[in-house]
Amino acid sequence: MSLESDVLARIKPTAEEIESIDSAANALKKATEDYVREHNIEAEVRFVGSYAKGTYLSDPDIDLFLLFPETVPLKELERVGLSVGEAIVEKGKKMYSEHPYTRGTFRDVDVDLVPSYSLKTAEKLRTAVDRTPFHTSFVLDSLKEEQKDEVRLLKRFMKGIGVYGAEPNTRGFSGYLCELLIIHYGSFLNVLNGVGGWKEGTTITIDKKGPPIMGPLVVYDPVDQKRNVASAVHIDTMALFIVASKAYLSSPSERFFFPRKRMPLSRDELQRISDQDGARIITVSFDRPDVVEENLHSQLWKTRYALTRKLNDFDYTVLRAVHEMYEKRLEIAFEIERDVLSKTYKHAGPPVWVKAADSFLAKWKNNIYGPPFIEDGCWNVIAERMYFTAKEMLADEAAVSGIGREIDPRNMRIRDHETSLNETDPLLLTELMDPKNSWEI
């Protein structure tokens, strides 16, 4: 028996699990159809997503769409759709994509009940989710029965290496994209072999090629050729998938599918690594705002990048950075080359022969660190830095660095090197100071 067969035996729903999910799904659909009929709501009830396509792993979500006629105004679609969700879904919570839908449970199964439009083609969409029924139909028509297990293997592999999911926290591959890759390449192992030849700008056409699209990876949506199914895939996520695919083909292991849990290093071990590397740690934390989690992940990435730019701009030079979202706070840890700079630095001026040289000399003629001097044909001067430490720089500059809109710099807390080593979550520091791929743990 192959490794892939062993993995499949662990991830494929059993007959009992399938019977249980089918029972809950059928009851959900009947309850929704009964409610729609009793309240004279003109809408078709239809399953979409991995459950409808038969590509789900154990413990799947159920996506149930209410398909309204095009004549229904959008506001009415939203209002009626939410009213159905409130009546049918247990512990229902209003969620937002392009328009609101209901997320909750039904018979202990996670459910998304989503209002959408019933369209004949995907050429003139009313909302972004209107594509989803077409996606489901395309996969059902194109994916062979035996390939459904290949999709399961690919999804589990991607989950194991940390690239599954198009959400902002993962910036990776959606379930639909996994299905398209299996349709295109034919099997799980063929996908991994194909990925070995990917590079930035790789383009995959499943059906018809649409207009030129820029991106690290472009996969034309066979349902809507103007859309890149891989638009959420970040170049780092794509690169990690390439590396993992090559590593698995070279040395297959179940750890790619079921990685070990990373255990944090002790404070003493973190201190030893710090002493050995000579780099410095600085940690920034913010109170967690009451924002939809998906949006907050995007803002946290934005904040991490903004503060990285500031640290680099002021010569502290970020080596690595990691972040985490906790129940009550957001935290970003940076490993930087230095956290204290000299009091002065060499400030480069214009060439001596340009007109601006006169104003440069006038500005710096009484400089307390010495007059301007010539080097490589240009005026230079020794000037005093605006900030000596990374901590004071971040304290002043974070608010104007372009951090996430709803992340408040007024409640920002900064830990210097020693405080970070003693107080920051050791697992976060472990990921920062001893980075490892999930299958190498």
Protein backbone atom coordinates (compact mmCIF):
# COMPACT_ATOMS: atom_id res chain seq x y z
CA MET A 1 0.00 0.00 0.00
CA SER A 2 1.37 3.45 -0.95
CA LEU A 3 1.82 6.35 1.42
CA GLU A 4 -0.93 8.22 -0.44
CA SER A 5 -3.31 5.29 0.13
CA ASP A 6 -2.49 5.29 3.84
CA VAL A 7 -3.15 9.03 4.05
CA LEU A 8 -6.39 8.72 2.10
CA ALA A 9 -7.63 6.06 4.51
CA ARG A 10 -7.19 8.60 7.32
CA ILE A 11 -8.76 11.62 5.63
CA LYS A 12 -11.59 10.22 3.55
CA PRO A 13 -14.95 10.30 5.32
CA THR A 14 -16.15 6.89 6.42
CA ALA A 15 -19.48 5.45 5.34
CA GLU A 16 -20.89 6.35 8.76
CA GLU A 17 -19.60 9.93 8.49
CA ILE A 18 -21.03 10.29 4.99
CA GLU A 19 -24.39 8.98 6.18
CA SER A 20 -24.37 11.42 9.09
CA ILE A 21 -23.46 14.47 7.00
CA ASP A 22 -25.97 13.48 4.29
CA SER A 23 -28.69 13.16 6.90
CA ALA A 24 -27.94 16.63 8.31
CA ALA A 25 -27.66 18.15 4.83
CA ASN A 26 -30.94 16.66 3.62
CA ALA A 27 -32.72 17.82 6.76
CA LEU A 28 -31.24 21.30 6.33
CA LYS A 29 -32.36 21.50 2.73
CA LYS A 30 -35.87 20.26 3.55
CA ALA A 31 -36.26 22.71 6.43
CA THR A 32 -35.12 25.56 4.19
CA GLU A 33 -37.38 24.54 1.31
CA ASP A 34 -40.35 24.21 3.67
CA TYR A 35 -39.67 27.67 5.12
CA VAL A 36 -39.28 29.20 1.65
CA ARG A 37 -42.55 27.63 0.48
CA GLU A 38 -44.51 28.54 3.62
CA HIS A 39 -43.41 32.18 3.38
CA ASN A 40 -43.98 32.46 -0.38
CA ILE A 41 -40.33 33.22 -1.06
CA GLU A 42 -39.36 32.75 -4.69
CA ALA A 43 -35.93 31.13 -4.41
CA GLU A 44 -34.27 27.85 -5.35
CA VAL A 45 -32.40 26.00 -2.58
CA ARG A 46 -29.15 24.43 -3.80
CA PHE A 47 -26.00 22.92 -2.29
CA VAL A 48 -22.67 24.27 -3.52
CA GLY A 49 -19.05 23.92 -2.44
CA SER A 50 -17.08 20.83 -1.47
CA TYR A 51 -20.09 19.00 -0.02
CA ALA A 52 -22.02 19.32 -3.28
CA LYS A 53 -18.94 18.29 -5.26
CA GLY A 54 -18.03 15.31 -3.07
CA THR A 55 -14.48 16.55 -2.45
CA TYR A 56 -14.80 17.25 1.27
CA LEU A 57 -12.64 15.89 4.05
CA SER A 58 -13.99 14.68 7.38
CA ASP A 59 -16.15 17.16 9.32
CA PRO A 60 -17.05 19.40 6.35
CA ASP A 61 -18.96 22.66 6.23
CA ILE A 62 -22.21 22.75 4.24
CA ASP A 63 -22.75 25.64 1.85
CA LEU A 64 -26.42 26.16 1.02
CA PHE A 65 -27.41 28.85 -1.46
CA LEU A 66 -30.74 30.57 -1.91
CA LEU A 67 -30.95 31.45 -5.60
CA PHE A 68 -33.28 34.41 -6.21
CA PRO A 69 -34.60 35.63 -9.57
CA GLU A 70 -32.66 38.51 -11.14
CA THR A 71 -35.72 40.73 -10.74
CA VAL A 72 -35.34 40.79 -6.95
CA PRO A 73 -33.56 43.99 -5.77
CA LEU A 74 -30.28 43.41 -3.97
CA LYS A 75 -31.50 44.93 -0.70
CA GLU A 76 -34.54 42.63 -0.76
CA LEU A 77 -32.31 39.63 -1.52
CA GLU A 78 -30.14 40.48 1.49
CA ARG A 79 -33.12 41.08 3.81
CA VAL A 80 -34.99 37.91 2.88
CA GLY A 81 -31.81 35.82 2.76
CA LEU A 82 -30.87 36.86 6.29
CA SER A 83 -34.42 36.21 7.55
CA VAL A 84 -34.23 32.63 6.22
CA GLY A 85 -30.82 32.16 7.81
CA GLU A 86 -32.08 33.49 11.13
CA ALA A 87 -34.99 31.04 11.09
CA ILE A 88 -33.09 27.94 9.97
CA VAL A 89 -29.49 28.16 11.13
CA GLU A 90 -28.71 27.52 14.79
CA LYS A 91 -26.41 30.01 16.55
CA GLY A 92 -26.59 32.03 13.36
CA LYS A 93 -24.25 34.97 12.96
CA LYS A 94 -24.44 37.58 10.23
CA MET A 95 -21.27 37.51 8.17
CA TYR A 96 -20.10 39.71 5.31
CA SER A 97 -18.53 38.93 1.98
CA GLU A 98 -19.72 41.32 -0.73
CA HIS A 99 -23.12 41.13 0.94
CA PRO A 100 -24.32 39.58 4.20
CA TYR A 101 -25.03 35.89 4.76
CA THR A 102 -25.63 33.64 7.77
CA ARG A 103 -23.07 31.34 9.39
CA GLY A 104 -23.95 28.90 12.13
CA THR A 105 -24.76 25.23 12.67
CA PHE A 106 -27.48 22.72 11.87
CA ARG A 107 -27.49 19.43 13.76
CA ASP A 108 -23.95 20.23 14.92
CA VAL A 109 -22.71 20.71 11.34
CA ASP A 110 -21.21 24.07 10.34
CA VAL A 111 -23.39 25.82 7.77
CA ASP A 112 -23.18 28.90 5.55
CA LEU A 113 -26.58 29.96 4.19
CA VAL A 114 -25.96 32.44 1.40
CA PRO A 115 -28.41 34.45 -0.72
CA SER A 116 -27.43 34.75 -4.38
CA TYR A 117 -28.91 35.31 -7.83
CA SER A 118 -30.02 32.57 -10.20
CA LEU A 119 -28.27 33.37 -13.48
CA LYS A 120 -28.17 31.58 -16.82
CA THR A 121 -24.51 32.51 -17.44
CA ALA A 122 -21.64 33.97 -15.43
CA GLU A 123 -21.08 36.78 -17.93
CA LYS A 124 -23.07 39.42 -16.05
CA LEU A 125 -22.76 38.77 -12.34
CA ARG A 126 -24.84 40.73 -9.85
CA THR A 127 -22.68 39.73 -6.86
CA ALA A 128 -19.34 37.93 -6.45
CA VAL A 129 -20.96 34.80 -4.99
CA ASP A 130 -23.10 34.37 -8.12
CA ARG A 131 -20.15 32.48 -9.64
CA THR A 132 -20.22 29.77 -6.99
CA PRO A 133 -23.07 27.65 -8.43
CA PHE A 134 -21.28 27.74 -11.80
CA HIS A 135 -18.07 26.59 -10.08
CA THR A 136 -19.92 23.67 -8.55
CA SER A 137 -21.46 22.68 -11.87
CA PHE A 138 -18.12 22.92 -13.69
CA VAL A 139 -16.35 20.69 -11.20
CA LEU A 140 -19.16 18.13 -11.19
CA ASP A 141 -19.02 18.00 -14.99
CA SER A 142 -15.21 17.92 -15.25
CA LEU A 143 -13.91 15.97 -12.27
CA LYS A 144 -13.90 12.19 -12.59
CA GLU A 145 -15.17 10.17 -9.67
CA GLU A 146 -11.73 8.70 -8.89
CA GLN A 147 -10.22 12.19 -8.95
CA LYS A 148 -12.24 13.28 -5.94
CA ASP A 149 -9.82 11.37 -3.72
CA GLU A 150 -6.93 13.09 -5.50
CA VAL A 151 -8.48 16.42 -4.51
CA ARG A 152 -8.69 15.21 -0.92
CA LEU A 153 -4.99 14.33 -0.93
CA LEU A 154 -4.05 17.71 -2.35
CA LYS A 155 -6.19 19.58 0.18
CA ARG A 156 -4.69 17.62 3.08
CA PHE A 157 -1.17 18.17 1.75
CA MET A 158 -1.81 21.91 1.49
CA LYS A 159 -3.28 22.00 4.98
CA GLY A 160 -0.24 20.17 6.31
CA ILE A 161 2.28 22.58 4.80
CA GLY A 162 0.17 25.64 5.66
CA VAL A 163 -0.87 26.92 2.23
CA TYR A 164 -4.56 25.89 2.15
CA GLY A 165 -7.17 28.62 2.23
CA ALA A 166 -7.62 31.88 0.34
CA GLU A 167 -8.28 33.87 3.51
CA PRO A 168 -5.95 36.80 4.37
CA ASN A 169 -4.27 34.90 7.21
CA THR A 170 -3.15 32.09 4.86
CA ARG A 171 -2.99 33.87 1.48
CA GLY A 172 -3.14 30.49 -0.19
CA PHE A 173 -5.07 28.03 -2.32
CA SER A 174 -8.86 27.76 -2.16
CA GLY A 175 -10.70 24.45 -2.36
CA TYR A 176 -11.92 25.35 -5.84
CA LEU A 177 -8.34 26.03 -6.96
CA CYS A 178 -7.31 22.59 -5.64
CA GLU A 179 -10.07 21.01 -7.73
CA LEU A 180 -8.98 22.90 -10.84
CA LEU A 181 -5.37 21.80 -10.35
CA ILE A 182 -6.48 18.15 -10.22
CA ILE A 183 -8.63 18.65 -13.32
CA HIS A 184 -5.66 20.25 -15.10
CA TYR A 185 -2.88 17.86 -14.03
CA GLY A 186 -4.94 14.70 -13.49
CA SER A 187 -3.75 13.52 -10.07
CA PHE A 188 -2.16 14.56 -6.79
CA LEU A 189 1.33 13.39 -7.75
CA ASN A 190 1.02 14.96 -11.19
CA VAL A 191 0.20 18.29 -9.50
CA LEU A 192 3.34 18.08 -7.37
CA ASN A 193 5.45 17.23 -10.42
CA GLY A 194 3.88 20.12 -12.33
CA VAL A 195 4.46 22.54 -9.47
CA GLY A 196 8.18 21.78 -9.67
CA GLY A 197 8.25 23.72 -12.93
CA TRP A 198 6.35 26.76 -11.64
CA LYS A 199 7.93 30.19 -11.37
CA GLU A 200 6.64 33.69 -10.74
CA GLY A 201 4.08 34.54 -13.43
CA THR A 202 3.13 30.92 -14.21
CA THR A 203 -0.19 30.83 -16.09
CA ILE A 204 -2.59 27.89 -16.21
CA THR A 205 -5.56 27.72 -18.57
CA ILE A 206 -8.21 25.13 -17.71
CA ASP A 207 -10.68 25.96 -20.48
CA LYS A 208 -10.21 29.28 -22.27
CA LYS A 209 -7.59 31.95 -21.72
CA GLY A 210 -8.93 35.36 -20.83
CA PRO A 211 -7.28 38.80 -20.99
CA PRO A 212 -3.74 39.18 -19.63
CA ILE A 213 -3.62 39.09 -15.82
CA MET A 214 -0.63 39.90 -13.64
CA GLY A 215 0.12 37.84 -10.54
CA PRO A 216 2.58 35.36 -9.02
CA LEU A 217 0.26 32.57 -10.22
CA VAL A 218 -2.55 32.99 -12.74
CA VAL A 219 -5.23 30.32 -13.13
CA TYR A 220 -7.98 31.46 -15.46
CA ASP A 221 -11.42 30.68 -14.07
CA PRO A 222 -13.17 28.43 -16.60
CA VAL A 223 -16.45 29.96 -15.47
CA ASP A 224 -15.30 33.58 -15.82
CA GLN A 225 -12.12 33.99 -17.88
CA LYS A 226 -11.63 37.56 -16.63
CA ARG A 227 -10.96 36.23 -13.14
CA ASN A 228 -7.78 34.74 -11.64
CA VAL A 229 -8.75 31.89 -9.30
CA ALA A 230 -5.27 32.18 -7.75
CA SER A 231 -5.48 35.92 -7.04
CA ALA A 232 -5.26 35.31 -3.27
CA VAL A 233 -2.05 33.27 -3.56
CA HIS A 234 0.89 35.30 -2.24
CA ILE A 235 4.27 34.76 -3.88
CA ASP A 236 5.68 33.41 -0.59
CA THR A 237 2.82 30.91 -0.30
CA MET A 238 3.40 29.81 -3.88
CA ALA A 239 7.13 29.45 -3.21
CA LEU A 240 6.45 27.34 -0.11
CA PHE A 241 4.20 25.04 -2.16
CA ILE A 242 6.95 24.63 -4.76
CA VAL A 243 9.54 23.79 -2.10
CA ALA A 244 7.22 21.35 -0.30
CA SER A 245 6.24 19.60 -3.57
CA LYS A 246 9.88 19.02 -4.50
CA ALA A 247 10.72 17.88 -0.96
CA TYR A 248 7.83 15.39 -0.88
CA LEU A 249 8.68 13.89 -4.26
CA SER A 250 12.29 13.53 -3.12
CA SER A 251 11.45 12.02 0.27
CA PRO A 252 7.74 11.23 0.85
CA SER A 253 6.54 11.38 4.44
CA GLU A 254 3.22 11.56 6.22
CA ARG A 255 4.54 14.66 8.03
CA PHE A 256 3.66 16.70 4.94
CA PHE A 257 0.02 15.77 5.58
CA PHE A 258 0.08 15.52 9.37
CA PRO A 259 2.86 17.75 10.72
CA ARG A 260 3.92 17.57 14.32
CA LYS A 261 2.85 20.35 16.62
CA ARG A 262 5.60 22.89 17.10
CA MET A 263 6.69 23.06 20.71
CA PRO A 264 8.13 26.34 22.00
CA LEU A 265 11.78 26.52 22.94
CA SER A 266 12.64 27.34 26.53
CA ARG A 267 13.60 30.87 27.51
CA ASP A 268 17.16 29.64 28.07
CA GLU A 269 17.32 28.13 24.58
CA LEU A 270 15.94 31.30 23.03
CA GLN A 271 18.57 33.28 24.91
CA ARG A 272 21.28 30.91 23.63
CA ILE A 273 20.17 31.38 20.02
CA SER A 274 20.06 35.13 20.53
CA ASP A 275 23.59 35.19 21.95
CA GLN A 276 24.82 32.99 19.11
CA ASP A 277 23.23 35.03 16.31
CA GLY A 278 23.96 38.45 17.73
CA ALA A 279 20.73 39.85 16.32
CA ARG A 280 18.23 41.76 18.44
CA ILE A 281 14.52 41.25 19.08
CA ILE A 282 11.84 43.93 19.28
CA THR A 283 8.16 43.14 19.77
CA VAL A 284 5.15 45.36 19.12
CA SER A 285 1.66 44.58 20.40
CA PHE A 286 -1.72 46.27 20.01
CA ASP A 287 -5.12 45.78 21.63
CA ARG A 288 -7.24 43.63 19.36
CA PRO A 289 -10.02 45.77 17.83
CA ASP A 290 -13.56 44.45 17.43
CA VAL A 291 -13.28 43.82 13.70
CA VAL A 292 -14.31 40.90 11.48
CA GLU A 293 -11.43 38.43 11.79
CA GLU A 294 -10.79 38.15 8.05
CA ASN A 295 -10.42 41.93 7.73
CA LEU A 296 -8.24 42.05 10.82
CA HIS A 297 -5.80 39.52 9.36
CA SER A 298 -5.35 41.80 6.34
CA GLN A 299 -4.73 44.78 8.61
CA LEU A 300 -2.22 42.83 10.69
CA TRP A 301 -0.23 41.92 7.58
CA LYS A 302 -0.36 45.56 6.48
CA THR A 303 0.89 46.69 9.90
CA ARG A 304 3.74 44.18 9.86
CA TYR A 305 4.88 45.38 6.43
CA ALA A 306 4.54 49.06 7.39
CA LEU A 307 6.66 48.69 10.53
CA THR A 308 9.20 46.59 8.64
CA ARG A 309 9.62 49.43 6.14
CA LYS A 310 10.13 51.93 8.96
CA LEU A 311 12.77 49.78 10.67
CA ASN A 312 14.60 49.37 7.37
CA ASP A 313 14.30 53.06 6.47
CA PHE A 314 15.95 54.01 9.75
CA ASP A 315 18.80 51.47 9.33
CA TYR A 316 17.72 48.87 11.90
CA THR A 317 17.35 46.27 9.10
CA VAL A 318 14.73 43.56 9.66
CA LEU A 319 16.07 40.02 9.25
CA ARG A 320 12.80 38.21 9.93
CA ALA A 321 9.34 38.98 11.25
CA VAL A 322 6.38 36.94 12.50
CA HIS A 323 2.97 37.89 13.86
CA GLU A 324 0.09 36.34 15.73
CA MET A 325 -3.49 37.22 16.57
CA TYR A 326 -4.53 36.40 20.12
CA GLU A 327 -7.87 36.70 21.84
CA LYS A 328 -7.22 40.20 23.17
CA ARG A 329 -4.10 41.43 21.40
CA LEU A 330 -2.16 41.48 18.16
CA GLU A 331 1.57 40.91 18.27
CA ILE A 332 4.43 41.33 15.80
CA ALA A 333 7.97 40.20 16.62
CA PHE A 334 10.97 41.42 14.61
CA GLU A 335 14.51 40.09 14.51
CA ILE A 336 16.68 43.05 13.54
CA GLU A 337 20.40 43.54 12.90
CA ARG A 338 20.72 46.22 15.54
CA ASP A 339 18.43 48.04 17.95
CA VAL A 340 20.84 50.86 18.88
CA LEU A 341 22.60 53.10 16.37
CA SER A 342 25.47 55.54 16.67
CA LYS A 343 24.62 59.09 17.60
CA THR A 344 25.82 60.39 14.24
CA TYR A 345 25.90 59.27 10.61
CA LYS A 346 27.31 60.46 7.29
CA HIS A 347 24.77 62.50 5.39
CA ALA A 348 25.41 62.67 1.62
CA GLY A 349 24.95 65.97 -0.17
CA PRO A 350 25.01 67.15 -3.79
CA PRO A 351 27.97 67.19 -6.21
CA VAL A 352 30.17 70.22 -5.62
CA TRP A 353 29.47 71.66 -9.09
CA VAL A 354 25.66 71.88 -8.90
CA LYS A 355 23.79 74.98 -7.84
CA ALA A 356 22.22 73.21 -4.85
CA ALA A 357 25.71 72.84 -3.34
CA ASP A 358 25.64 76.45 -2.17
CA SER A 359 22.46 76.02 -0.12
CA PHE A 360 23.81 72.74 1.30
CA LEU A 361 26.96 74.50 2.49
CA ALA A 362 24.95 77.35 3.96
CA LYS A 363 22.73 74.95 5.88
CA TRP A 364 25.59 72.96 7.37
CA LYS A 365 28.35 75.58 7.78
CA ASN A 366 27.90 75.76 11.58
CA ASN A 367 27.40 72.02 12.07
CA ILE A 368 28.57 71.05 15.58
CA TYR A 369 29.99 67.76 14.25
CA GLY A 370 32.25 69.49 11.75
CA PRO A 371 31.94 71.29 8.42
CA PRO A 372 31.00 69.61 5.15
CA PHE A 373 33.74 67.67 3.38
CA ILE A 374 34.26 66.36 -0.15
CA GLU A 375 34.06 62.66 -0.96
CA ASP A 376 33.69 61.17 -4.47
CA GLY A 377 32.96 64.62 -5.85
CA CYS A 378 30.08 65.29 -3.47
CA TRP A 379 29.65 67.27 -0.29
CA ASN A 380 29.12 65.16 2.82
CA VAL A 381 28.56 66.05 6.43
CA ILE A 382 28.41 64.27 9.78
CA ALA A 383 24.87 64.71 11.15
CA GLU A 384 22.96 63.62 14.23
CA ARG A 385 20.40 60.87 13.86
CA MET A 386 16.72 61.50 14.53
CA TYR A 387 16.49 58.29 16.61
CA PHE A 388 19.16 56.28 18.35
CA THR A 389 17.05 53.23 19.29
CA ALA A 390 14.54 51.15 17.39
CA LYS A 391 12.12 51.40 20.30
CA GLU A 392 11.93 55.20 20.30
CA MET A 393 11.71 55.26 16.50
CA LEU A 394 8.71 52.91 16.47
CA ALA A 395 7.06 54.83 19.30
CA ASP A 396 7.20 58.02 17.20
CA GLU A 397 6.79 56.69 13.67
CA ALA A 398 4.23 53.86 13.95
CA ALA A 399 1.25 56.21 13.77
CA VAL A 400 2.42 57.63 10.43
CA SER A 401 3.77 54.40 8.94
CA GLY A 402 0.57 53.18 7.25
CA ILE A 403 -0.54 50.50 9.70
CA GLY A 404 -3.97 48.85 9.50
CA ARG A 405 -6.82 51.34 9.58
CA GLU A 406 -8.51 49.95 12.70
CA ILE A 407 -5.33 49.09 14.60
CA ASP A 408 -4.85 51.89 17.11
CA PRO A 409 -1.24 53.06 17.66
CA ARG A 410 -2.31 54.77 20.88
CA ASN A 411 -2.50 51.42 22.66
CA MET A 412 0.73 50.12 21.13
CA ARG A 413 3.24 48.54 23.49
CA ILE A 414 6.88 47.97 22.52
CA ARG A 415 9.21 45.45 24.16
CA ASP A 416 12.94 45.85 23.73
CA HIS A 417 15.31 42.92 23.31
CA GLU A 418 15.60 41.72 26.89
CA THR A 419 11.93 42.27 27.68
CA SER A 420 10.91 40.43 24.52
CA LEU A 421 13.01 37.40 25.43
CA ASN A 422 11.48 37.34 28.92
CA GLU A 423 7.84 38.22 28.19
CA THR A 424 6.87 37.55 24.56
CA ASP A 425 5.06 34.29 23.77
CA PRO A 426 7.90 31.73 23.48
CA LEU A 427 6.16 29.95 20.59
CA LEU A 428 6.11 33.19 18.59
CA LEU A 429 9.80 33.72 19.38
CA THR A 430 10.53 30.11 18.42
CA GLU A 431 8.97 30.65 15.00
CA LEU A 432 10.97 33.86 14.63
CA MET A 433 14.38 32.67 15.82
CA ASP A 434 14.29 29.01 14.78
CA PRO A 435 12.15 28.90 11.60
CA LYS A 436 11.31 25.46 10.25
CA ASN A 437 8.98 24.11 7.60
CA SER A 438 6.04 22.22 9.05
CA TRP A 439 7.23 18.85 7.70
CA GLU A 440 10.67 19.34 9.28
CA ILE A 441 9.44 19.71 12.87
